[in-house]
C-alpha atoms as a PDB file:
ATOM      1  CA  MET A   1      30.398 -24.311  -4.995  1.00  0.00           C
ATOM      2  CA  ALA A   2      29.726 -21.937  -7.940  1.00  0.00           C
ATOM      3  CA  LYS A   3      28.198 -18.649  -7.103  1.00  0.00           C
ATOM      4  CA  THR A   4      24.734 -18.013  -8.655  1.00  0.00           C
ATOM      5  CA  GLU A   5      24.084 -14.689 -10.207  1.00  0.00           C
ATOM      6  CA  GLU A   6      21.244 -12.772  -8.706  1.00  0.00           C
ATOM      7  CA  VAL A   7      18.581 -11.823 -11.244  1.00  0.00           C
ATOM      8  CA  PRO A   8      17.092  -8.353 -10.774  1.00  0.00           C
ATOM      9  CA  ARG A   9      13.372  -8.271  -9.852  1.00  0.00           C
ATOM     10  CA  VAL A  10      11.101  -6.924 -12.378  1.00  0.00           C
ATOM     11  CA  LYS A  11       8.042  -5.073 -11.183  1.00  0.00           C
ATOM     12  CA  GLN A  12       4.903  -6.912 -12.108  1.00  0.00           C
ATOM     13  CA  ALA A  13       1.585  -5.190 -11.684  1.00  0.00           C
ATOM     14  CA  PRO A  14      -1.138  -7.124  -9.891  1.00  0.00           C
ATOM     15  CA  TYR A  15      -4.138  -7.329 -11.843  1.00  0.00           C
ATOM     16  CA  VAL A  16      -6.987  -5.166 -10.611  1.00  0.00           C
ATOM     17  CA  SER A  17      -9.418  -3.610 -13.197  1.00  0.00           C
ATOM     18  CA  TYR A  18      -9.388   0.153 -13.780  1.00  0.00           C
ATOM     19  CA  LYS A  19     -13.001   0.201 -12.729  1.00  0.00           C
ATOM     20  CA  THR A  20     -12.242  -1.261  -9.374  1.00  0.00           C
ATOM     21  CA  PHE A  21      -9.186   1.015  -8.925  1.00  0.00           C
ATOM     22  CA  TYR A  22     -11.121   4.117 -10.026  1.00  0.00           C
ATOM     23  CA  GLY A  23     -14.086   3.160  -7.789  1.00  0.00           C
ATOM     24  CA  PHE A  24     -11.897   2.767  -4.786  1.00  0.00           C
ATOM     25  CA  VAL A  25     -10.184   6.218  -5.274  1.00  0.00           C
ATOM     26  CA  ARG A  26     -13.548   7.824  -6.018  1.00  0.00           C
ATOM     27  CA  ARG A  27     -15.087   6.388  -2.859  1.00  0.00           C
ATOM     28  CA  LEU A  28     -12.217   7.815  -0.895  1.00  0.00           C
ATOM     29  CA  LYS A  29     -13.168  11.360  -2.211  1.00  0.00           C
ATOM     30  CA  ASP A  30     -16.490  11.025  -0.442  1.00  0.00           C
ATOM     31  CA  THR A  31     -14.842  10.292   2.919  1.00  0.00           C
ATOM     32  CA  VAL A  32     -11.797  11.168   4.903  1.00  0.00           C
ATOM     33  CA  ILE A  33      -8.702   9.447   3.459  1.00  0.00           C
ATOM     34  CA  PRO A  34      -7.856   6.973   6.113  1.00  0.00           C
ATOM     35  CA  GLU A  35      -4.480   6.809   7.665  1.00  0.00           C
ATOM     36  CA  LYS A  36      -4.350   3.017   7.209  1.00  0.00           C
ATOM     37  CA  ILE A  37      -5.880   1.114   4.241  1.00  0.00           C
ATOM     38  CA  ASP A  38      -7.160  -1.988   6.212  1.00  0.00           C
ATOM     39  CA  THR A  39     -10.033  -4.410   6.098  1.00  0.00           C
ATOM     40  CA  ASP A  40     -12.376  -1.676   7.489  1.00  0.00           C
ATOM     41  CA  VAL A  41     -11.671   0.371   4.235  1.00  0.00           C
ATOM     42  CA  LEU A  42     -11.639  -2.556   1.858  1.00  0.00           C
ATOM     43  CA  GLY A  43     -14.535  -4.437   3.616  1.00  0.00           C
ATOM     44  CA  THR A  44     -16.800  -4.138   0.622  1.00  0.00           C
ATOM     45  CA  TYR A  45     -14.442  -5.859  -1.725  1.00  0.00           C
ATOM     46  CA  PRO A  46     -14.098  -9.725  -1.903  1.00  0.00           C
ATOM     47  CA  GLY A  47     -10.864 -10.951  -0.334  1.00  0.00           C
ATOM     48  CA  SER A  48      -8.885 -11.591  -3.628  1.00  0.00           C
ATOM     49  CA  THR A  49      -9.948  -8.240  -4.973  1.00  0.00           C
ATOM     50  CA  ALA A  50      -8.956  -6.477  -1.764  1.00  0.00           C
ATOM     51  CA  ARG A  51      -5.514  -8.163  -1.835  1.00  0.00           C
ATOM     52  CA  GLN A  52      -5.053  -7.199  -5.522  1.00  0.00           C
ATOM     53  CA  LEU A  53      -6.176  -3.690  -4.746  1.00  0.00           C
ATOM     54  CA  LYS A  54      -3.604  -3.408  -1.894  1.00  0.00           C
ATOM     55  CA  ALA A  55      -0.855  -4.826  -4.008  1.00  0.00           C
ATOM     56  CA  ALA A  56      -1.681  -2.314  -6.791  1.00  0.00           C
ATOM     57  CA  LEU A  57      -1.728   0.493  -4.282  1.00  0.00           C
ATOM     58  CA  ARG A  58       1.737  -0.608  -3.012  1.00  0.00           C
ATOM     59  CA  LEU A  59       3.190  -0.969  -6.391  1.00  0.00           C
ATOM     60  CA  LEU A  60       1.986   2.505  -7.484  1.00  0.00           C
ATOM     61  CA  ALA A  61       3.414   3.943  -4.174  1.00  0.00           C
ATOM     62  CA  LEU A  62       0.084   5.067  -2.987  1.00  0.00           C
ATOM     63  CA  MET A  63       0.405   3.005   0.132  1.00  0.00           C
ATOM     64  CA  ASP A  64       3.482   1.871   2.019  1.00  0.00           C
ATOM     65  CA  ASP A  65       4.326  -1.657   3.299  1.00  0.00           C
ATOM     66  CA  GLY A  66       2.586  -0.783   6.563  1.00  0.00           C
ATOM     67  CA  ASP A  67      -0.720  -0.203   4.720  1.00  0.00           C
ATOM     68  CA  ARG A  68      -0.517   3.554   5.357  1.00  0.00           C
ATOM     69  CA  ALA A  69      -1.735   5.957   2.687  1.00  0.00           C
ATOM     70  CA  LEU A  70       0.984   8.023   1.004  1.00  0.00           C
ATOM     71  CA  PRO A  71       0.783  11.679  -0.185  1.00  0.00           C
ATOM     72  CA  ALA A  72       0.407  10.563  -3.844  1.00  0.00           C
ATOM     73  CA  LEU A  73      -2.826   8.872  -2.916  1.00  0.00           C
ATOM     74  CA  THR A  74      -4.215  12.061  -1.482  1.00  0.00           C
ATOM     75  CA  THR A  75      -3.286  13.964  -4.525  1.00  0.00           C
ATOM     76  CA  LEU A  76      -5.033  11.320  -6.749  1.00  0.00           C
ATOM     77  CA  VAL A  77      -8.119  11.352  -4.632  1.00  0.00           C
ATOM     78  CA  GLU A  78      -8.287  15.188  -4.687  1.00  0.00           C
ATOM     79  CA  THR A  79      -7.950  15.290  -8.481  1.00  0.00           C
ATOM     80  CA  ILE A  80     -10.233  12.236  -9.307  1.00  0.00           C
ATOM     81  CA  ASP A  81     -13.247  14.222 -10.805  1.00  0.00           C
ATOM     82  CA  THR A  82     -11.313  17.227 -12.045  1.00  0.00           C
ATOM     83  CA  PRO A  83      -9.265  17.943 -15.201  1.00  0.00           C
ATOM     84  CA  GLY A  84      -6.243  17.294 -13.090  1.00  0.00           C
ATOM     85  CA  ARG A  85      -7.002  13.442 -12.855  1.00  0.00           C
ATOM     86  CA  ASN A  86      -5.142  12.473 -15.908  1.00  0.00           C
ATOM     87  CA  PRO A  87      -1.937  14.365 -15.062  1.00  0.00           C
ATOM     88  CA  ALA A  88      -2.004  13.021 -11.525  1.00  0.00           C
ATOM     89  CA  LEU A  89      -2.476   9.494 -12.645  1.00  0.00           C
ATOM     90  CA  LYS A  90       0.248   9.875 -15.359  1.00  0.00           C
ATOM     91  CA  LYS A  91       2.639  11.055 -12.670  1.00  0.00           C
ATOM     92  CA  VAL A  92       1.918   8.017 -10.465  1.00  0.00           C
ATOM     93  CA  LEU A  93       2.285   5.657 -13.427  1.00  0.00           C
ATOM     94  CA  ASP A  94       5.541   7.376 -14.687  1.00  0.00           C
ATOM     95  CA  GLU A  95       7.099   7.198 -11.209  1.00  0.00           C
ATOM     96  CA  SER A  96       6.154   3.526 -10.788  1.00  0.00           C
ATOM     97  CA  PHE A  97       7.196   2.412 -14.330  1.00  0.00           C
ATOM     98  CA  PRO A  98      10.052   4.689 -15.519  1.00  0.00           C
ATOM     99  CA  ILE A  99      11.122   4.258 -19.050  1.00  0.00           C
END
């Protein structure tokens, strides 16, 4: 039997609007960042939006596969309404999608 060549996986970003993403991060600034991003945290979002948001958070390395918040999320939350927001977001995007 011929051996098939494995095709490398390409990261594909799940679709979640920036407004939804920003709103989620902004809302975390008003609370304590939870250790785990679960249905209690995402309860205000419809099911499909919550799933897309979680997928985006994982892709951007803001949350791990166990739904635990990572340090980059804390940094992003802390800078969300400051001049440091754009550099923090750029760093997240650059690390997730290196050129």
